[in-house]
């Protein structure tokens, strides 16, 4: 009988920064793209431009987690922002298999917070209070575990 291969579920992951394993409920923005450069010489016989790869661009990474009493690490990190200085951290985001082993690893380089958002408060709600942090960074690499 043939063994079935299934896509990996996205709900089992780990986030680490500075050696600390931090629990998050959601990670998004693991995106990179190559910007397009279009060029045409004025004496070209073609009436169209040529296309070539340009600079690499990385989207901001957003991390979300449930708020714990007395834990304001997101705001503390954001408060380290001063004129052209910031505490930068490398992050490692690891997608895990059912045996808790690394399958895919994203390394986020030189990250720093650009936005911290508190929870939406609702008197009739029945949800966990979630805070989010948006991080700018200078590089994203992907390796297979």
N, C-alpha and C. Protein backbone atom coordinates (compact mmCIF):
# COMPACT_ATOMS: atom_id res chain seq x y z
N UNK A 1 0.84 -1.17 0.00
CA UNK A 1 0.00 0.00 0.00
C UNK A 1 0.90 1.25 0.00
N UNK A 2 0.57 2.22 -0.82
CA UNK A 2 1.37 3.44 -0.94
C UNK A 2 1.17 4.33 0.28
N UNK A 3 2.27 4.94 0.72
CA UNK A 3 2.19 5.87 1.85
C UNK A 3 1.75 7.23 1.34
N UNK A 4 0.84 7.88 2.06
CA UNK A 4 0.34 9.19 1.65
C UNK A 4 1.26 10.29 2.19
N UNK A 5 1.45 11.30 1.39
CA UNK A 5 2.20 12.47 1.81
C UNK A 5 1.24 13.64 1.88
N UNK A 6 1.23 14.29 3.02
CA UNK A 6 0.31 15.40 3.24
C UNK A 6 1.09 16.69 3.42
N UNK A 7 0.48 17.82 3.08
CA UNK A 7 1.11 19.11 3.37
C UNK A 7 1.25 19.31 4.88
N UNK A 8 2.20 20.14 5.25
CA UNK A 8 2.44 20.40 6.67
C UNK A 8 1.36 21.31 7.25
N UNK A 9 0.87 21.02 8.45
CA UNK A 9 -0.06 21.94 9.10
C UNK A 9 0.71 23.17 9.60
N UNK A 10 0.04 24.30 9.61
CA UNK A 10 0.70 25.56 9.97
C UNK A 10 0.53 25.94 11.44
N UNK A 11 -0.08 25.08 12.24
CA UNK A 11 -0.39 25.47 13.62
C UNK A 11 0.65 25.05 14.65
N UNK A 12 1.70 24.32 14.25
CA UNK A 12 2.70 23.85 15.21
C UNK A 12 4.04 24.52 14.88
N UNK A 13 4.36 25.58 15.62
CA UNK A 13 5.56 26.36 15.32
C UNK A 13 6.15 26.92 16.60
N UNK A 14 7.38 27.40 16.48
CA UNK A 14 8.11 27.97 17.61
C UNK A 14 8.79 29.25 17.14
N UNK A 15 8.82 30.27 18.02
CA UNK A 15 9.50 31.53 17.73
C UNK A 15 10.54 31.76 18.82
N UNK A 16 11.78 32.06 18.41
CA UNK A 16 12.85 32.33 19.36
C UNK A 16 13.51 33.66 19.02
N UNK A 17 13.83 34.42 20.06
CA UNK A 17 14.67 35.59 19.87
C UNK A 17 15.58 35.72 21.07
N UNK A 18 16.83 36.01 20.80
CA UNK A 18 17.81 36.15 21.86
C UNK A 18 17.93 34.93 22.74
N UNK A 19 17.72 33.75 22.19
CA UNK A 19 17.82 32.52 22.97
C UNK A 19 16.57 32.17 23.74
N UNK A 20 15.58 33.07 23.77
CA UNK A 20 14.34 32.81 24.49
C UNK A 20 13.28 32.27 23.54
N UNK A 21 12.55 31.25 23.97
CA UNK A 21 11.45 30.68 23.21
C UNK A 21 10.18 31.40 23.65
N UNK A 22 9.56 32.14 22.75
CA UNK A 22 8.39 32.95 23.09
C UNK A 22 7.16 32.36 22.39
N UNK A 23 6.07 32.18 23.12
CA UNK A 23 4.86 31.60 22.55
C UNK A 23 4.01 32.63 21.83
N UNK A 24 3.65 32.33 20.59
CA UNK A 24 2.79 33.21 19.80
C UNK A 24 1.64 32.40 19.22
N UNK A 25 0.52 33.06 18.98
CA UNK A 25 -0.63 32.40 18.37
C UNK A 25 -0.64 32.56 16.85
N UNK A 26 0.11 33.54 16.35
CA UNK A 26 0.10 33.78 14.91
C UNK A 26 1.38 34.49 14.48
N UNK A 27 1.90 34.09 13.33
CA UNK A 27 3.04 34.76 12.69
C UNK A 27 2.64 34.98 11.24
N UNK A 28 2.82 36.20 10.74
CA UNK A 28 2.53 36.47 9.33
C UNK A 28 3.57 37.43 8.77
N UNK A 29 3.62 37.51 7.45
CA UNK A 29 4.54 38.43 6.79
C UNK A 29 5.89 37.83 6.43
N UNK A 30 5.99 36.51 6.38
CA UNK A 30 7.25 35.87 6.00
C UNK A 30 7.38 35.93 4.48
N UNK A 31 7.50 37.14 3.97
CA UNK A 31 7.45 37.40 2.53
C UNK A 31 8.68 38.15 2.08
N UNK A 32 9.20 37.73 0.93
CA UNK A 32 10.26 38.50 0.29
C UNK A 32 10.00 38.55 -1.20
N UNK A 33 10.45 39.59 -1.82
CA UNK A 33 10.26 39.73 -3.26
C UNK A 33 11.46 40.44 -3.85
N UNK A 34 11.61 40.30 -5.14
CA UNK A 34 12.66 41.01 -5.87
C UNK A 34 11.97 42.10 -6.69
N UNK A 35 12.38 43.34 -6.47
CA UNK A 35 11.78 44.44 -7.20
C UNK A 35 12.25 44.42 -8.65
N UNK A 36 11.39 44.85 -9.51
CA UNK A 36 11.64 44.82 -10.94
C UNK A 36 12.25 46.14 -11.42
N UNK A 37 13.26 46.04 -12.27
CA UNK A 37 13.84 47.21 -12.93
C UNK A 37 13.52 47.10 -14.41
N UNK A 38 12.93 48.14 -14.96
CA UNK A 38 12.68 48.18 -16.40
C UNK A 38 13.61 49.22 -17.01
N UNK A 39 14.20 48.87 -18.15
CA UNK A 39 15.17 49.75 -18.77
C UNK A 39 15.04 49.67 -20.29
N UNK A 40 15.20 50.80 -20.91
CA UNK A 40 15.21 50.84 -22.38
C UNK A 40 16.17 51.92 -22.81
N UNK A 41 17.10 51.57 -23.70
CA UNK A 41 17.99 52.56 -24.29
C UNK A 41 17.22 53.36 -25.33
N UNK A 42 17.56 54.60 -25.46
CA UNK A 42 16.85 55.47 -26.40
C UNK A 42 17.03 55.05 -27.85
N UNK A 43 18.14 54.38 -28.19
CA UNK A 43 18.36 53.99 -29.58
C UNK A 43 17.98 52.52 -29.84
N UNK A 44 17.26 51.90 -28.90
CA UNK A 44 16.85 50.51 -29.08
C UNK A 44 15.80 50.41 -30.18
N UNK A 45 15.95 49.41 -31.09
CA UNK A 45 14.95 49.25 -32.15
C UNK A 45 13.64 48.69 -31.61
N UNK A 46 13.68 48.08 -30.42
CA UNK A 46 12.45 47.55 -29.82
C UNK A 46 11.71 48.68 -29.12
N UNK A 47 10.39 48.62 -29.18
CA UNK A 47 9.60 49.66 -28.51
C UNK A 47 9.18 49.22 -27.11
N UNK A 48 9.86 48.20 -26.59
CA UNK A 48 9.56 47.76 -25.23
C UNK A 48 10.84 47.77 -24.40
N UNK A 49 10.69 47.74 -23.11
CA UNK A 49 11.85 47.76 -22.21
C UNK A 49 12.29 46.35 -21.87
N UNK A 50 13.51 46.26 -21.40
CA UNK A 50 13.96 44.97 -20.88
C UNK A 50 13.70 44.96 -19.37
N UNK A 51 13.56 43.78 -18.83
CA UNK A 51 13.27 43.66 -17.40
C UNK A 51 14.39 42.88 -16.74
N UNK A 52 14.81 43.38 -15.57
CA UNK A 52 15.89 42.72 -14.84
C UNK A 52 15.62 42.82 -13.35
N UNK A 53 16.23 41.90 -12.59
CA UNK A 53 15.99 41.92 -11.15
C UNK A 53 16.67 43.11 -10.49
N UNK A 54 16.00 43.64 -9.49
CA UNK A 54 16.54 44.77 -8.74
C UNK A 54 16.80 44.41 -7.29
N UNK A 55 16.51 45.32 -6.41
CA UNK A 55 16.74 45.11 -4.98
C UNK A 55 15.76 44.11 -4.40
N UNK A 56 16.20 43.40 -3.39
CA UNK A 56 15.33 42.47 -2.66
C UNK A 56 14.56 43.28 -1.62
N UNK A 57 13.29 42.96 -1.44
CA UNK A 57 12.42 43.67 -0.50
C UNK A 57 11.79 42.66 0.45
N UNK A 58 11.75 43.02 1.74
CA UNK A 58 11.18 42.14 2.77
C UNK A 58 9.99 42.83 3.41
N UNK A 59 8.89 42.12 3.55
CA UNK A 59 7.73 42.65 4.26
C UNK A 59 7.99 42.62 5.76
N UNK A 60 7.26 43.46 6.48
CA UNK A 60 7.33 43.41 7.93
C UNK A 60 6.70 42.11 8.42
N UNK A 61 7.23 41.57 9.50
CA UNK A 61 6.71 40.35 10.12
C UNK A 61 5.82 40.77 11.28
N UNK A 62 4.64 40.15 11.38
CA UNK A 62 3.72 40.44 12.47
C UNK A 62 3.59 39.22 13.37
N UNK A 63 3.74 39.44 14.67
CA UNK A 63 3.61 38.39 15.67
C UNK A 63 2.42 38.73 16.57
N UNK A 64 1.59 37.73 16.87
CA UNK A 64 0.43 37.94 17.75
C UNK A 64 0.47 36.91 18.87
N UNK A 65 0.05 37.36 20.05
CA UNK A 65 0.00 36.45 21.19
C UNK A 65 -1.02 36.93 22.21
N UNK A 66 -1.43 36.00 23.06
CA UNK A 66 -2.34 36.34 24.15
C UNK A 66 -1.60 37.13 25.22
N UNK A 67 -2.30 38.11 25.79
CA UNK A 67 -1.71 38.96 26.81
C UNK A 67 -1.72 38.22 28.15
N UNK A 68 -0.57 38.25 28.82
CA UNK A 68 -0.44 37.68 30.16
C UNK A 68 -0.29 38.83 31.15
N UNK A 69 -0.86 38.68 32.33
CA UNK A 69 -0.78 39.73 33.36
C UNK A 69 0.68 40.03 33.68
N UNK A 70 1.02 41.33 33.68
CA UNK A 70 2.37 41.76 34.04
C UNK A 70 3.41 41.62 32.95
N UNK A 71 3.03 41.16 31.75
CA UNK A 71 3.99 40.96 30.67
C UNK A 71 3.82 42.08 29.64
N UNK A 72 4.74 42.99 29.61
CA UNK A 72 4.69 44.06 28.61
C UNK A 72 5.99 44.15 27.82
N UNK A 73 6.55 42.96 27.48
CA UNK A 73 7.81 42.90 26.74
C UNK A 73 7.74 43.62 25.40
N UNK A 74 6.59 43.54 24.70
CA UNK A 74 6.46 44.21 23.40
C UNK A 74 6.67 45.71 23.57
N UNK A 75 6.00 46.32 24.54
CA UNK A 75 6.11 47.76 24.73
C UNK A 75 7.50 48.16 25.23
N UNK A 76 8.12 47.30 26.05
CA UNK A 76 9.48 47.59 26.50
C UNK A 76 10.45 47.61 25.31
N UNK A 77 10.29 46.64 24.40
CA UNK A 77 11.17 46.59 23.24
C UNK A 77 10.94 47.81 22.35
N UNK A 78 9.67 48.17 22.12
CA UNK A 78 9.36 49.34 21.31
C UNK A 78 9.93 50.60 21.94
N UNK A 79 9.96 50.69 23.26
CA UNK A 79 10.46 51.89 23.93
C UNK A 79 11.97 52.04 23.82
N UNK A 80 12.69 51.03 23.31
CA UNK A 80 14.13 51.18 23.10
C UNK A 80 14.44 52.00 21.85
N UNK A 81 13.41 52.38 21.10
CA UNK A 81 13.61 53.20 19.90
C UNK A 81 13.96 54.62 20.33
N UNK A 82 15.09 55.08 19.86
CA UNK A 82 15.49 56.47 20.06
C UNK A 82 15.99 56.96 18.71
N UNK A 83 16.45 58.17 18.65
CA UNK A 83 16.88 58.75 17.39
C UNK A 83 17.94 57.87 16.73
N UNK A 84 17.54 57.15 15.70
CA UNK A 84 18.42 56.29 14.89
C UNK A 84 19.11 55.18 15.69
N UNK A 85 18.58 54.84 16.83
CA UNK A 85 19.10 53.69 17.58
C UNK A 85 17.93 52.81 18.00
N UNK A 86 18.14 51.53 18.02
CA UNK A 86 17.10 50.58 18.38
C UNK A 86 17.77 49.27 18.77
N UNK A 87 17.17 48.57 19.68
CA UNK A 87 17.64 47.23 20.02
C UNK A 87 17.17 46.29 18.92
N UNK A 88 18.10 45.73 18.18
CA UNK A 88 17.76 44.80 17.10
C UNK A 88 17.95 43.37 17.59
N UNK A 89 17.08 42.48 17.10
CA UNK A 89 17.16 41.07 17.49
C UNK A 89 17.00 40.20 16.26
N UNK A 90 17.71 39.09 16.24
CA UNK A 90 17.50 38.07 15.22
C UNK A 90 16.42 37.13 15.73
N UNK A 91 15.50 36.74 14.87
CA UNK A 91 14.43 35.82 15.23
C UNK A 91 14.58 34.53 14.44
N UNK A 92 14.16 33.44 15.03
CA UNK A 92 14.09 32.16 14.35
C UNK A 92 12.68 31.64 14.49
N UNK A 93 12.03 31.41 13.36
CA UNK A 93 10.66 30.89 13.35
C UNK A 93 10.73 29.50 12.75
N UNK A 94 10.30 28.51 13.50
CA UNK A 94 10.47 27.11 13.10
C UNK A 94 9.11 26.43 13.00
N UNK A 95 8.84 25.85 11.84
CA UNK A 95 7.65 25.02 11.65
C UNK A 95 8.02 23.61 12.08
N UNK A 96 7.20 23.02 12.95
CA UNK A 96 7.52 21.73 13.56
C UNK A 96 6.62 20.62 13.03
N UNK A 97 7.13 19.39 13.04
CA UNK A 97 6.30 18.24 12.65
C UNK A 97 5.65 17.65 13.91
N UNK A 98 4.95 16.53 13.73
CA UNK A 98 4.22 15.92 14.85
C UNK A 98 5.15 15.41 15.95
N UNK A 99 6.44 15.23 15.65
CA UNK A 99 7.42 14.80 16.65
C UNK A 99 8.16 16.00 17.26
N UNK A 100 7.68 17.21 17.01
CA UNK A 100 8.26 18.46 17.51
C UNK A 100 9.65 18.72 16.94
N UNK A 101 9.92 18.22 15.73
CA UNK A 101 11.20 18.42 15.07
C UNK A 101 11.06 19.51 14.01
N UNK A 102 12.14 20.25 13.80
CA UNK A 102 12.14 21.34 12.81
C UNK A 102 11.98 20.78 11.40
N UNK A 103 11.05 21.35 10.65
CA UNK A 103 10.84 20.97 9.25
C UNK A 103 11.27 22.12 8.34
N UNK A 104 10.89 23.34 8.70
CA UNK A 104 11.29 24.54 7.96
C UNK A 104 11.69 25.60 8.99
N UNK A 105 12.73 26.37 8.67
CA UNK A 105 13.22 27.39 9.59
C UNK A 105 13.40 28.70 8.84
N UNK A 106 12.72 29.74 9.32
CA UNK A 106 12.89 31.09 8.77
C UNK A 106 13.76 31.87 9.75
N UNK A 107 14.81 32.48 9.25
CA UNK A 107 15.68 33.33 10.07
C UNK A 107 15.42 34.77 9.67
N UNK A 108 15.02 35.59 10.63
CA UNK A 108 14.72 37.00 10.41
C UNK A 108 15.87 37.79 11.03
N UNK A 109 16.53 38.60 10.20
CA UNK A 109 17.76 39.26 10.63
C UNK A 109 17.55 40.72 11.01
N UNK A 110 18.17 41.12 12.12
CA UNK A 110 18.21 42.51 12.55
C UNK A 110 16.81 43.12 12.69
N UNK A 111 15.90 42.40 13.32
CA UNK A 111 14.52 42.86 13.47
C UNK A 111 14.39 43.90 14.59
N UNK A 112 13.44 44.82 14.40
CA UNK A 112 13.11 45.78 15.45
C UNK A 112 11.64 46.17 15.30
N UNK A 113 10.98 46.50 16.42
CA UNK A 113 9.55 46.80 16.37
C UNK A 113 9.27 48.17 15.76
N UNK A 114 8.24 48.22 14.93
CA UNK A 114 7.78 49.49 14.37
C UNK A 114 6.34 49.77 14.77
N UNK A 115 5.66 48.76 15.34
CA UNK A 115 4.28 48.96 15.75
C UNK A 115 3.90 47.90 16.79
N UNK A 116 3.27 48.35 17.85
CA UNK A 116 2.71 47.45 18.86
C UNK A 116 1.24 47.82 19.00
N UNK A 117 0.39 46.82 18.93
CA UNK A 117 -1.05 47.07 19.00
C UNK A 117 -1.66 46.24 20.12
N UNK A 118 -2.37 46.92 21.00
CA UNK A 118 -3.06 46.23 22.10
C UNK A 118 -4.32 45.55 21.59
N UNK A 119 -5.03 44.87 22.48
CA UNK A 119 -6.21 44.11 22.07
C UNK A 119 -7.40 45.00 21.79
N UNK A 120 -8.33 44.47 20.98
CA UNK A 120 -9.62 45.12 20.82
C UNK A 120 -10.48 44.70 22.01
N UNK A 121 -10.96 45.66 22.76
CA UNK A 121 -11.73 45.36 23.96
C UNK A 121 -13.22 45.43 23.65
N UNK A 122 -13.95 44.43 24.09
CA UNK A 122 -15.37 44.33 23.78
C UNK A 122 -16.10 43.71 24.97
N UNK A 123 -17.03 44.44 25.56
CA UNK A 123 -17.70 44.00 26.78
C UNK A 123 -18.51 42.72 26.58
N UNK A 124 -18.98 42.46 25.38
CA UNK A 124 -19.78 41.25 25.13
C UNK A 124 -18.96 40.15 24.47
N UNK A 125 -17.66 40.34 24.34
CA UNK A 125 -16.81 39.37 23.67
C UNK A 125 -16.49 38.17 24.54
N UNK A 126 -16.05 37.11 23.89
CA UNK A 126 -15.69 35.88 24.57
C UNK A 126 -14.36 35.36 24.02
N UNK A 127 -13.41 36.29 23.80
CA UNK A 127 -12.13 35.93 23.21
C UNK A 127 -10.99 36.24 24.17
N UNK A 128 -9.84 35.67 23.89
CA UNK A 128 -8.62 35.99 24.61
C UNK A 128 -8.13 37.35 24.14
N UNK A 129 -7.57 38.15 25.05
CA UNK A 129 -6.99 39.44 24.69
C UNK A 129 -5.68 39.19 23.94
N UNK A 130 -5.61 39.65 22.70
CA UNK A 130 -4.45 39.42 21.82
C UNK A 130 -3.75 40.75 21.56
N UNK A 131 -2.42 40.74 21.69
CA UNK A 131 -1.62 41.89 21.30
C UNK A 131 -0.77 41.50 20.10
N UNK A 132 -0.40 42.49 19.30
CA UNK A 132 0.42 42.21 18.13
C UNK A 132 1.58 43.18 18.06
N UNK A 133 2.64 42.70 17.41
CA UNK A 133 3.82 43.51 17.20
C UNK A 133 4.28 43.34 15.77
N UNK A 134 4.53 44.46 15.10
CA UNK A 134 5.02 44.44 13.72
C UNK A 134 6.51 44.76 13.74
N UNK A 135 7.29 43.91 13.06
CA UNK A 135 8.74 44.05 13.05
C UNK A 135 9.26 44.35 11.66
N UNK A 136 10.09 45.37 11.54
CA UNK A 136 10.86 45.60 10.32
C UNK A 136 12.14 44.80 10.48
N UNK A 137 12.75 44.42 9.36
CA UNK A 137 13.99 43.63 9.44
C UNK A 137 14.81 43.81 8.18
N UNK A 138 16.00 43.24 8.17
CA UNK A 138 16.92 43.43 7.05
C UNK A 138 17.23 42.15 6.30
N UNK A 139 16.48 41.12 6.51
CA UNK A 139 16.73 39.90 5.75
C UNK A 139 15.92 38.73 6.26
N UNK A 140 15.61 37.82 5.34
CA UNK A 140 14.80 36.65 5.65
C UNK A 140 15.38 35.48 4.86
N UNK A 141 15.77 34.42 5.57
CA UNK A 141 16.25 33.24 4.89
C UNK A 141 15.39 32.05 5.31
N UNK A 142 15.31 31.06 4.43
CA UNK A 142 14.54 29.86 4.69
C UNK A 142 15.42 28.64 4.48
N UNK A 143 15.43 27.76 5.47
CA UNK A 143 16.14 26.50 5.34
C UNK A 143 15.21 25.37 5.74
N UNK A 144 15.46 24.20 5.21
CA UNK A 144 14.70 23.03 5.60
C UNK A 144 15.38 22.40 6.80
N UNK A 145 14.54 22.02 7.80
CA UNK A 145 15.05 21.46 9.06
C UNK A 145 15.83 20.25 8.82
